């Protein structure tokens, strides 16, 4: 069975999207990726490269009357969230697919995702839980499930639920909590009450992310990356990591996560550093074709540069916290308490 995936991003996420596609090429035996390009520059580049297992869809092709009507009422991020369900629906109906999995562009695959989709068996829909580390549990606000990897088969149960989710996001999809809703994501909490045939992923290798990575150890065994669930000591093979919140700054600073998540040295070395190096490799290739791109979506000048803190510095150390508080105030201190900043020169290819 061919696995079909869809995702959406603009030119500011181009390096992430191509890195994700390349990781599918390495690990997935039979797949096709449908990319919804959210600006013309992104569309033109992807179209020009003629990727063998990738179809790029422009906004002109994708956007319908309902989406165009609500588009001015949403921020750029909110509009992307609004469209996630619609991209799956469009992919299945327009290309006559028997299955489609939405995936976020800022993910990287480490082994074949077929094992995740096979797990759903005769069920119609696959959803993945955040599996929050207790300290970071945001399920009340953000929902138990993450839109990062959600599969729909082209059958009656799945398409009815997908149509409901698509319409619900068009009606309401904002970056705020209101009446038990939050963006496109909290709707997933209702899936099991609305339909039969919903399978929640069990494999811990699917859905590794900054908010749950503290629950696992990782090591290289016989040349392969292996995970160990700390609570059970069970081994598993990582399938994908979601690099949520990673940002690049103009002054060669990389922020690994924009939230207050603990990311230890081992995770930095096995996941984050190789990922940033990979993104830089992709970026360099893009710039050889067109040097007007900003394929990392650089977030401007880092406000933390004046502190001159060296590589892999933890900002929560007590003495530094007080200094940061004195310089920037309590809000900034809280905001960067657990962030990780690196000089991007360390990740650049020679």
Protein backbone atom coordinates (compact mmCIF):
# COMPACT_ATOMS: atom_id res chain seq x y z
CA UNK A 1 0.00 0.00 0.00
CA UNK A 2 1.28 3.43 -0.93
CA UNK A 3 1.38 5.87 1.98
CA UNK A 4 0.22 9.38 1.19
CA UNK A 5 1.25 12.37 3.26
CA UNK A 6 0.35 16.03 3.11
CA UNK A 7 1.84 19.09 4.76
CA UNK A 8 1.78 22.86 4.43
CA UNK A 9 4.48 25.51 4.73
CA UNK A 10 5.78 28.70 3.15
CA UNK A 11 9.25 29.71 1.97
CA UNK A 12 10.32 30.46 5.55
CA UNK A 13 9.97 26.76 6.36
CA UNK A 14 11.40 25.54 3.07
CA UNK A 15 14.59 24.01 4.54
CA UNK A 16 12.53 22.15 7.14
CA UNK A 17 10.03 20.88 4.58
CA UNK A 18 12.72 19.60 2.21
CA UNK A 19 14.65 17.97 5.08
CA UNK A 20 11.46 16.20 6.13
CA UNK A 21 10.83 15.02 2.55
CA UNK A 22 14.42 13.76 2.25
CA UNK A 23 14.00 11.79 5.49
CA UNK A 24 10.91 10.12 4.02
CA UNK A 25 12.97 9.23 0.95
CA UNK A 26 15.55 7.55 3.18
CA UNK A 27 13.13 5.53 5.25
CA UNK A 28 9.77 5.08 3.53
CA UNK A 29 9.58 2.46 0.79
CA UNK A 30 6.44 3.59 -1.08
CA UNK A 31 5.03 7.06 -0.47
CA UNK A 32 3.94 10.36 -1.97
CA UNK A 33 3.99 13.79 -0.30
CA UNK A 34 1.55 16.56 -1.19
CA UNK A 35 2.91 19.98 -0.21
CA UNK A 36 0.54 22.93 0.05
CA UNK A 37 2.80 25.90 -0.66
CA UNK A 38 1.66 28.90 1.33
CA UNK A 39 3.47 31.50 -0.75
CA UNK A 40 4.41 31.81 -4.41
CA UNK A 41 8.15 31.64 -3.78
CA UNK A 42 7.81 28.29 -2.06
CA UNK A 43 5.57 26.97 -4.85
CA UNK A 44 7.91 28.10 -7.62
CA UNK A 45 10.97 26.53 -6.02
CA UNK A 46 9.35 23.17 -5.29
CA UNK A 47 7.84 23.07 -8.76
CA UNK A 48 11.19 23.81 -10.38
CA UNK A 49 12.99 21.01 -8.54
CA UNK A 50 10.70 18.25 -9.82
CA UNK A 51 10.94 16.05 -6.73
CA UNK A 52 9.98 12.53 -7.77
CA UNK A 53 7.64 11.67 -4.90
CA UNK A 54 6.26 15.17 -4.25
CA UNK A 55 3.32 17.10 -5.67
CA UNK A 56 3.15 20.80 -4.87
CA UNK A 57 -0.25 22.50 -4.63
CA UNK A 58 -0.57 26.27 -4.90
CA UNK A 59 -2.94 28.41 -2.86
CA UNK A 60 -4.76 29.29 -6.09
CA UNK A 61 -5.55 25.61 -6.56
CA UNK A 62 -6.34 24.87 -2.93
CA UNK A 63 -8.22 27.83 -1.49
CA UNK A 64 -11.99 27.77 -1.87
CA UNK A 65 -14.70 30.33 -1.14
CA UNK A 66 -15.05 29.29 2.50
CA UNK A 67 -11.33 29.59 3.20
CA UNK A 68 -10.94 32.89 1.38
CA UNK A 69 -13.88 34.32 3.30
CA UNK A 70 -12.37 33.68 6.74
CA UNK A 71 -8.72 34.23 5.77
CA UNK A 72 -8.67 37.96 6.69
CA UNK A 73 -10.01 37.14 10.16
CA UNK A 74 -7.07 34.86 11.10
CA UNK A 75 -3.40 35.49 11.77
CA UNK A 76 -0.93 33.70 9.50
CA UNK A 77 -0.45 30.94 12.07
CA UNK A 78 -4.17 30.63 12.74
CA UNK A 79 -4.87 30.36 9.02
CA UNK A 80 -2.34 27.52 8.70
CA UNK A 81 -4.08 25.73 11.56
CA UNK A 82 -7.43 26.39 9.91
CA UNK A 83 -6.20 24.72 6.73
CA UNK A 84 -4.67 21.54 8.17
CA UNK A 85 -7.86 19.48 7.96
CA UNK A 86 -8.70 21.01 4.58
CA UNK A 87 -5.35 19.88 3.13
CA UNK A 88 -6.12 16.28 4.05
CA UNK A 89 -9.64 16.57 2.62
CA UNK A 90 -8.35 18.16 -0.59
CA UNK A 91 -5.62 15.54 -1.01
CA UNK A 92 -8.00 12.60 -0.61
CA UNK A 93 -10.82 13.98 -2.75
CA UNK A 94 -8.80 15.75 -5.46
CA UNK A 95 -6.20 13.02 -5.97
CA UNK A 96 -8.52 10.10 -5.20
CA UNK A 97 -6.32 8.68 -2.44
CA UNK A 98 -7.23 5.70 -0.28
CA UNK A 99 -5.36 7.17 2.71
CA UNK A 100 -3.65 10.39 3.73
CA UNK A 101 -1.61 11.42 6.77
CA UNK A 102 -1.09 15.05 7.69
CA UNK A 103 2.45 15.71 8.97
CA UNK A 104 4.05 18.90 10.25
CA UNK A 105 6.92 20.26 8.18
CA UNK A 106 9.27 20.61 11.17
CA UNK A 107 9.52 16.84 11.70
CA UNK A 108 12.27 14.43 10.74
CA UNK A 109 11.85 10.68 10.19
CA UNK A 110 14.39 8.22 11.61
CA UNK A 111 12.69 5.01 10.46
CA UNK A 112 9.75 3.91 8.33
CA UNK A 113 6.44 5.51 9.42
CA UNK A 114 4.58 2.57 7.89
CA UNK A 115 4.83 0.83 11.28
CA UNK A 116 2.71 3.61 12.79
CA UNK A 117 0.01 3.49 10.13
CA UNK A 118 -0.06 -0.32 10.15
CA UNK A 119 -0.82 -0.15 13.87
CA UNK A 120 -4.29 1.29 13.18
CA UNK A 121 -5.35 -1.98 11.53
CA UNK A 122 -9.01 -1.94 10.46
CA UNK A 123 -9.64 1.42 12.14
CA UNK A 124 -10.33 4.47 10.02
CA UNK A 125 -8.46 7.28 11.79
CA UNK A 126 -5.11 7.41 13.61
CA UNK A 127 -4.34 10.12 16.17
CA UNK A 128 -1.18 10.70 18.21
CA UNK A 129 -1.14 11.90 21.80
CA UNK A 130 1.26 14.55 23.03
CA UNK A 131 2.29 12.15 25.82
CA UNK A 132 3.32 15.16 27.87
CA UNK A 133 5.95 14.81 30.56
CA UNK A 134 3.98 15.54 33.75
CA UNK A 135 5.83 18.80 34.38
CA UNK A 136 4.80 20.13 30.95
CA UNK A 137 1.23 18.83 30.72
CA UNK A 138 -0.79 21.33 28.66
CA UNK A 139 -3.59 18.97 27.67
CA UNK A 140 -6.25 21.12 29.35
CA UNK A 141 -5.36 23.99 27.00
CA UNK A 142 -3.80 22.41 23.91
CA UNK A 143 -5.55 19.06 24.00
CA UNK A 144 -4.47 15.49 24.60
CA UNK A 145 -3.67 14.94 20.92
CA UNK A 146 -1.30 16.64 18.50
CA UNK A 147 -2.10 17.40 14.86
CA UNK A 148 1.53 16.55 13.98
CA UNK A 149 0.64 13.07 12.60
CA UNK A 150 -3.01 12.21 11.91
CA UNK A 151 -4.17 9.60 9.37
CA UNK A 152 -7.51 9.31 7.59
CA UNK A 153 -8.56 6.44 5.35
CA UNK A 154 -10.89 7.13 2.46
CA UNK A 155 -13.88 5.37 4.00
CA UNK A 156 -17.26 6.53 5.23
CA UNK A 157 -16.35 6.84 8.91
CA UNK A 158 -13.12 8.74 8.33
CA UNK A 159 -14.44 11.09 5.67
CA UNK A 160 -17.49 12.01 7.74
CA UNK A 161 -15.25 12.89 10.70
CA UNK A 162 -12.73 14.70 8.50
CA UNK A 163 -15.51 16.79 6.96
CA UNK A 164 -16.72 17.72 10.47
CA UNK A 165 -13.19 18.72 11.56
CA UNK A 166 -12.60 20.72 8.37
CA UNK A 167 -15.83 22.66 8.80
CA UNK A 168 -15.23 23.21 12.52
CA UNK A 169 -11.81 24.74 11.83
CA UNK A 170 -13.27 27.06 9.19
CA UNK A 171 -15.93 28.18 11.65
CA UNK A 172 -13.50 28.69 14.58
CA UNK A 173 -9.72 28.32 14.73
CA UNK A 174 -7.83 30.84 16.84
CA UNK A 175 -4.75 30.91 19.08
CA UNK A 176 -6.82 31.23 22.24
CA UNK A 177 -8.89 29.10 24.58
CA UNK A 178 -12.61 29.52 24.12
CA UNK A 179 -15.49 27.17 25.01
CA UNK A 180 -13.18 24.17 25.21
CA UNK A 181 -11.54 24.94 21.86
CA UNK A 182 -7.94 25.85 20.98
CA UNK A 183 -6.78 26.24 17.37
CA UNK A 184 -7.32 23.15 15.24
CA UNK A 185 -5.97 20.82 17.91
CA UNK A 186 -8.50 20.61 20.73
CA UNK A 187 -11.06 19.29 18.24
CA UNK A 188 -9.12 16.01 18.16
CA UNK A 189 -10.17 15.36 21.77
CA UNK A 190 -13.73 14.92 20.47
CA UNK A 191 -12.95 12.35 17.78
CA UNK A 192 -13.61 9.26 19.91
CA UNK A 193 -17.01 10.58 20.99
CA UNK A 194 -18.02 11.44 17.42
CA UNK A 195 -17.00 8.28 15.58
CA UNK A 196 -16.03 4.65 15.86
CA UNK A 197 -12.79 3.41 14.37
CA UNK A 198 -10.43 5.91 16.03
CA UNK A 199 -7.04 4.47 17.00
CA UNK A 200 -4.65 6.23 19.40
CA UNK A 201 -1.03 5.46 18.54
CA UNK A 202 0.78 3.24 21.06
CA UNK A 203 4.27 3.20 19.54
CA UNK A 204 6.42 5.67 21.53
CA UNK A 205 8.67 6.13 18.48
CA UNK A 206 5.95 8.19 16.82
CA UNK A 207 5.58 11.61 18.36
CA UNK A 208 8.93 12.33 20.03
CA UNK A 209 8.95 16.03 20.82
CA UNK A 210 10.33 18.60 23.28
CA UNK A 211 7.34 18.17 25.61
CA UNK A 212 7.84 14.41 26.14
CA UNK A 213 11.51 13.67 25.36
CA UNK A 214 12.40 13.74 29.09
CA UNK A 215 10.74 10.32 29.45
CA UNK A 216 13.34 8.53 27.32
CA UNK A 217 17.00 7.69 27.06
CA UNK A 218 18.66 7.20 23.68
CA UNK A 219 21.81 5.50 22.48
CA UNK A 220 23.36 4.08 19.34
CA UNK A 221 23.20 0.26 19.20
CA UNK A 222 24.72 -1.59 16.24
CA UNK A 223 24.75 1.66 14.33
CA UNK A 224 21.06 2.38 14.92
CA UNK A 225 19.42 5.00 17.13
CA UNK A 226 17.57 3.22 19.94
CA UNK A 227 15.17 4.63 22.52
CA UNK A 228 14.55 3.33 26.03
CA UNK A 229 11.38 4.26 27.90
CA UNK A 230 12.61 5.18 31.39
CA UNK A 231 9.47 4.05 33.26
CA UNK A 232 9.40 0.56 31.70
CA UNK A 233 12.98 0.07 30.44
CA UNK A 234 11.45 -1.04 27.13
CA UNK A 235 13.39 -0.38 23.93
CA UNK A 236 11.87 1.13 20.80
CA UNK A 237 12.96 2.51 17.46
CA UNK A 238 12.44 6.28 17.00
CA UNK A 239 10.21 6.97 14.00
CA UNK A 240 9.98 10.75 14.00
CA UNK A 241 10.94 13.76 16.09
CA UNK A 242 8.92 16.97 16.04
CA UNK A 243 11.30 19.94 16.31
CA UNK A 244 8.64 22.32 17.55
CA UNK A 245 9.79 25.84 18.39
CA UNK A 246 13.27 25.71 16.85
CA UNK A 247 14.27 29.18 15.65
CA UNK A 248 17.17 30.77 13.80
CA UNK A 249 18.33 34.34 14.44
CA UNK A 250 20.27 36.68 12.19
CA UNK A 251 23.24 36.89 14.53
CA UNK A 252 24.07 33.18 14.14
CA UNK A 253 22.08 32.10 17.15
CA UNK A 254 19.91 28.98 17.13
CA UNK A 255 17.20 28.54 19.77
CA UNK A 256 16.38 24.85 20.10
CA UNK A 257 12.99 25.32 21.74
CA UNK A 258 10.80 28.33 22.35
CA UNK A 259 9.08 26.76 25.34
CA UNK A 260 10.19 25.84 28.86
CA UNK A 261 11.20 22.26 28.06
CA UNK A 262 14.19 20.42 29.48
CA UNK A 263 16.46 19.22 26.68
CA UNK A 264 19.51 17.43 28.01
CA UNK A 265 22.94 17.14 26.42
CA UNK A 266 22.23 13.67 25.02
CA UNK A 267 19.11 14.86 23.15
CA UNK A 268 21.00 17.88 21.86
CA UNK A 269 23.79 15.71 20.48
CA UNK A 270 21.63 12.94 18.97
CA UNK A 271 18.73 14.98 17.62
CA UNK A 272 19.13 18.75 17.61
CA UNK A 273 22.68 19.29 16.42
CA UNK A 274 22.40 16.86 13.46
CA UNK A 275 19.03 18.41 12.54
CA UNK A 276 20.40 21.95 12.47
CA UNK A 277 23.38 20.77 10.42
CA UNK A 278 20.99 19.11 7.99
CA UNK A 279 18.89 22.27 7.70
CA UNK A 280 22.03 24.28 6.95
CA UNK A 281 22.99 21.81 4.22
CA UNK A 282 19.53 22.16 2.65
CA UNK A 283 19.68 25.93 3.02
CA UNK A 284 23.02 26.12 1.21
CA UNK A 285 21.62 24.05 -1.66
CA UNK A 286 18.59 26.32 -1.95
CA UNK A 287 20.69 29.48 -1.92
CA UNK A 288 22.83 28.15 -4.78
CA UNK A 289 19.68 28.15 -6.87
CA UNK A 290 18.22 31.42 -5.54
CA UNK A 291 20.10 33.55 -3.02
CA UNK A 292 17.05 35.71 -2.27
CA UNK A 293 15.49 32.98 -0.12
CA UNK A 294 15.21 32.99 3.66
CA UNK A 295 14.60 29.22 3.91
CA UNK A 296 15.09 29.02 7.70
CA UNK A 297 12.54 31.75 8.38
CA UNK A 298 15.14 33.73 10.35
CA UNK A 299 13.42 35.39 13.30
CA UNK A 300 15.48 38.60 13.36
CA UNK A 301 18.23 39.68 15.74
CA UNK A 302 18.36 37.65 18.92
CA UNK A 303 17.66 39.83 21.97
CA UNK A 304 20.06 37.65 23.99
CA UNK A 305 23.24 38.45 22.01
CA UNK A 306 24.37 41.22 24.41
CA UNK A 307 24.61 38.70 27.21
CA UNK A 308 27.48 37.01 25.33
CA UNK A 309 26.70 33.65 26.89
CA UNK A 310 28.79 30.88 25.34
CA UNK A 311 27.80 27.69 23.56
CA UNK A 312 25.30 25.34 25.20
CA UNK A 313 24.73 27.68 28.17
CA UNK A 314 21.79 26.92 30.39
CA UNK A 315 19.96 30.11 31.33
CA UNK A 316 18.33 28.70 34.45
CA UNK A 317 21.54 28.63 36.54
CA UNK A 318 20.69 30.60 39.64
CA UNK A 319 23.34 33.29 39.37
CA UNK A 320 22.60 33.96 35.71
CA UNK A 321 18.87 34.04 36.35
CA UNK A 322 19.30 36.91 38.77
CA UNK A 323 21.57 38.76 36.33
CA UNK A 324 19.09 38.28 33.50
CA UNK A 325 16.30 39.48 35.75
CA UNK A 326 18.23 42.62 36.61
CA UNK A 327 18.94 43.36 32.93
CA UNK A 328 15.69 42.38 31.22
CA UNK A 329 13.06 42.12 33.93
CA UNK A 330 11.11 39.18 35.32
CA UNK A 331 9.07 38.40 32.18
CA UNK A 332 12.14 37.98 29.97
CA UNK A 333 13.82 35.97 32.72
CA UNK A 334 10.91 33.53 32.84
CA UNK A 335 10.71 33.37 29.08
CA UNK A 336 14.30 32.27 28.52
CA UNK A 337 14.83 30.30 31.71
CA UNK A 338 15.01 26.91 29.99
CA UNK A 339 15.97 27.91 26.46
CA UNK A 340 19.06 26.64 24.71
CA UNK A 341 21.08 28.98 22.53
CA UNK A 342 23.89 28.00 20.21
CA UNK A 343 26.15 29.89 17.89
CA UNK A 344 24.96 28.71 14.48
CA UNK A 345 28.55 28.81 13.18
CA UNK A 346 29.04 25.57 15.12
CA UNK A 347 26.42 23.92 12.90
CA UNK A 348 27.55 25.32 9.54
CA UNK A 349 29.06 22.96 7.01
CA UNK A 350 32.66 23.50 6.07
